Amino acid sequence: MGHYGIRVATGAWRFSGSHNRVQLWLVGARGEAELGLQLRPARGKEEEFDLDVPEDLGPLQFVKLRKQFWLVDDAWFCDRITVRGPGALAEAAFPCYRWVQGEGVLSLPDDTARLAGDNALDVFQKHREKELKERQQIYCWATWKEGLPQTISADYKDDLPPNMRFHEEKRLDFEWTRKAGSLEIILKRVYTILSSWNHLQDFDQIFWGQNSVLAEKVHHHWQDDEFFGYQFLNGANPMLLRHSTSLPSRLVLPSWMEGLQAQLEKELQNGSLFEADFILLNDIPANVIRGEQQYLAAPLVMLKMEPNGKLLPMVIQIQPPSPSSPNPTLFLPSDPPFAWLLAKCWVRNSDFQLHQLQYHLLNTHLVAEVIAVATMRCLPGLHPVFKLLIPHTRYTMEINTRARTQLISVGGVFDKAVSTGGGGHVQLLRRAVTQLTYRSLCPPDDLADRGLLGIPSALYAHDALRLWEIIARYVEGIIHLFYQRDDVVRGDPELQAWCREITEVGLCQAQDRGFPVSFQSKAQLCHFLTMCVFTCTAQHGAINQGQLDWYAWVPNAPCTMRMPPPTTKEDVTMATVMGSLPDVQQACLQMATTWFLGRRQPDMVPLGHHKEKYFSGPKVKAVLSQFQTDLENLDMEITARNEQLDLPYDYLKPSCIENSITI
């Protein structure tokens, strides 16, 4: 006879408890015993029981549970079950962290991570094979648009597997915040219905509600060239700027601009010339909003780095050369103020498009969804890589499904207010896929390719590299506990299937863009996993959090342009600027959406601080503890640095980075 102490923990989320009865079994190496328990789990509670089992079960392997119901299937969110065995048997934990529905028997293995074995008779091998077979029927791939990464097969949020859905608190906050944003739009429209919309100051009429300290600074300084240049380094989209190695071929300089050419060549020789080229937008069809044609451009900006680290624009070419315009107009800081301002507005509009679609939606959201779906399809819960990655996939499938049905869908926000809406956004995404390389997702490679290493004023670059190093140490610490040699990596069939699923299926044959189709070494695996964690956490934080700060003042990042790009300078007036910028309805929608997407989430889980305990053992706990310590030290470093800056850079401060993509 053995005496067992059993603790059953239920999730703290609303509706996590259940009125249905739950039956439990203990399964050991020498036998199985049904427990005489008929518990009704309560939300946020840990219920404890002491029971005697007549036979010797040996070391515990599984806890089996079944929820019984009559008429109403009241789902239960089980956190974990912990069992204290008789005698010298150590306490064993059986993680669940999922919804228990129906009357089927659910088997929970203990929290020891195990690689796949060759013994088909092994109980854990049978369990993992059965689990993957079931998951592959639940988590299916779908094509949202041809030529784009695969997505979870779910047309609407209600089609998602229950364990990928928002918890009730998150759902309520999401829905109520959307309604609050809609109400704010209505109030602003009523407030401005009799007002003029002829001057930049008229945007002040809608610049109220949810704003940030930095948004107020943008409001006052957005016209400054220094502010304009700063955003390429540390703004909402720090991903486009490149260090120039030659003058771009598209930059056609007329003979009478010898002075500008000399200036550019001098900066080039000094290593202080930079460029931002929006050529990806060239010939993308522009939206038609409420019957009015909108417009797009594909600008080129040349900038110089001052000795004090300030980045200043030197020249803007709004459109590339074409047969009809072989020498497009070049705009300079010395031009009439309205002409120069409008040229910068065109750049900021183009940056809005690439930021939202290429660097935000594609390079973080859609890549993270591919990682999440492949993980559910290829890695069983016993696998150490599953345990490592699963906290970084929380809510990603639902937020992406909502985006496909509310933001980028037919009649969604992009169609209503953004110049790439109406189909252009899909064409732009297809073009952006060709630039979605493995190197582009790894900051050490990406920043080196763009020539941005070692620039003191490049705060995104500095913080991204520091975070990459910290995440890499964490990943290596975990992986080296389970893979002692490279041949163990090569011989792991589940891991290799997961790699192929991401590259060949989810990312649509991305091996041509540098993504691996197999892992040949521990180092290669660790590098790939570091990319996965960084993309799902830090990179999304850097790209998402700046929206409220930089986009709330609409003229700084107009979502659409309502007049064609100027081809002359002398004719540009305030009327031209206001006629080009979004109208009041479009501006209100932009403000509401960027607040909705850029605000801190109430149930935010900071990077590395998930509460779920998927791993067991002191060695893994020590690695996680060191990871958290490293993050806290970086947090303090960034806080101290920011105290010395006029514009603090917080987007890669670890305490501000969410543990997964949830918004």
Foldseek 3Di string as FASTA:
>chain_A
DKKKKKKWFFEQFPLQWAPWWKWKKWAAPAGIDTDPGGDGDDHGDIDMDMDDDPDDRHATFKMKMFTDDDPDWRKHQTAKMWMDIGDPHHIWIFGDRFIHTDGDIDITTTLAFDFADPDPPDPVNVVQVVQLVVLPVQFDWDDPDPLAFIFTPDLALVSHDRSQHDGPVQVVVLVVLVVVLVVLLVVLCVQCVPPDLQFLCVLVSSLDDDFDPLLVVCVVCLLPQLNLQLCCQAFLHVQFKFQDQDPDPQQDDDPVVVVLVVVQVVLNVVSFKMKGWQCLLPPLAWAQAPNAAFDAWTKMWIWGQDPVGGIGTAKMFGHTADPVRNNFDIDGPPFPSLLNLLSSLNVLQSVLLCLVQQQACRQFLLLLRLLVSLLSNQPGLSHLLNVVCVLANHNSSNVNSCCCVADQDVVHLCNNFFTCHPPSSVVSNSSSLVVNAPLSLQLVSSCVVRVNPPRVSSVLSVLLVLVLVLLLLLLLLSLCVHDVWQVVQQPRVSNLSSQLSSQCRRSPNNVVRVRDSGRRGSVSVSSVSSSNQCSFKQSNLSNFQNLSSQPLSPSSRARTFRDYRDRDRPPRDSNNSSNGGTDSSSSSSSNSVSCSRNPQRPVFAFALRDPRDSHDDPSSVVSSVVSVVSLVVVLVVLVVVQVPDPDRRCSSNRRRIGSGDND
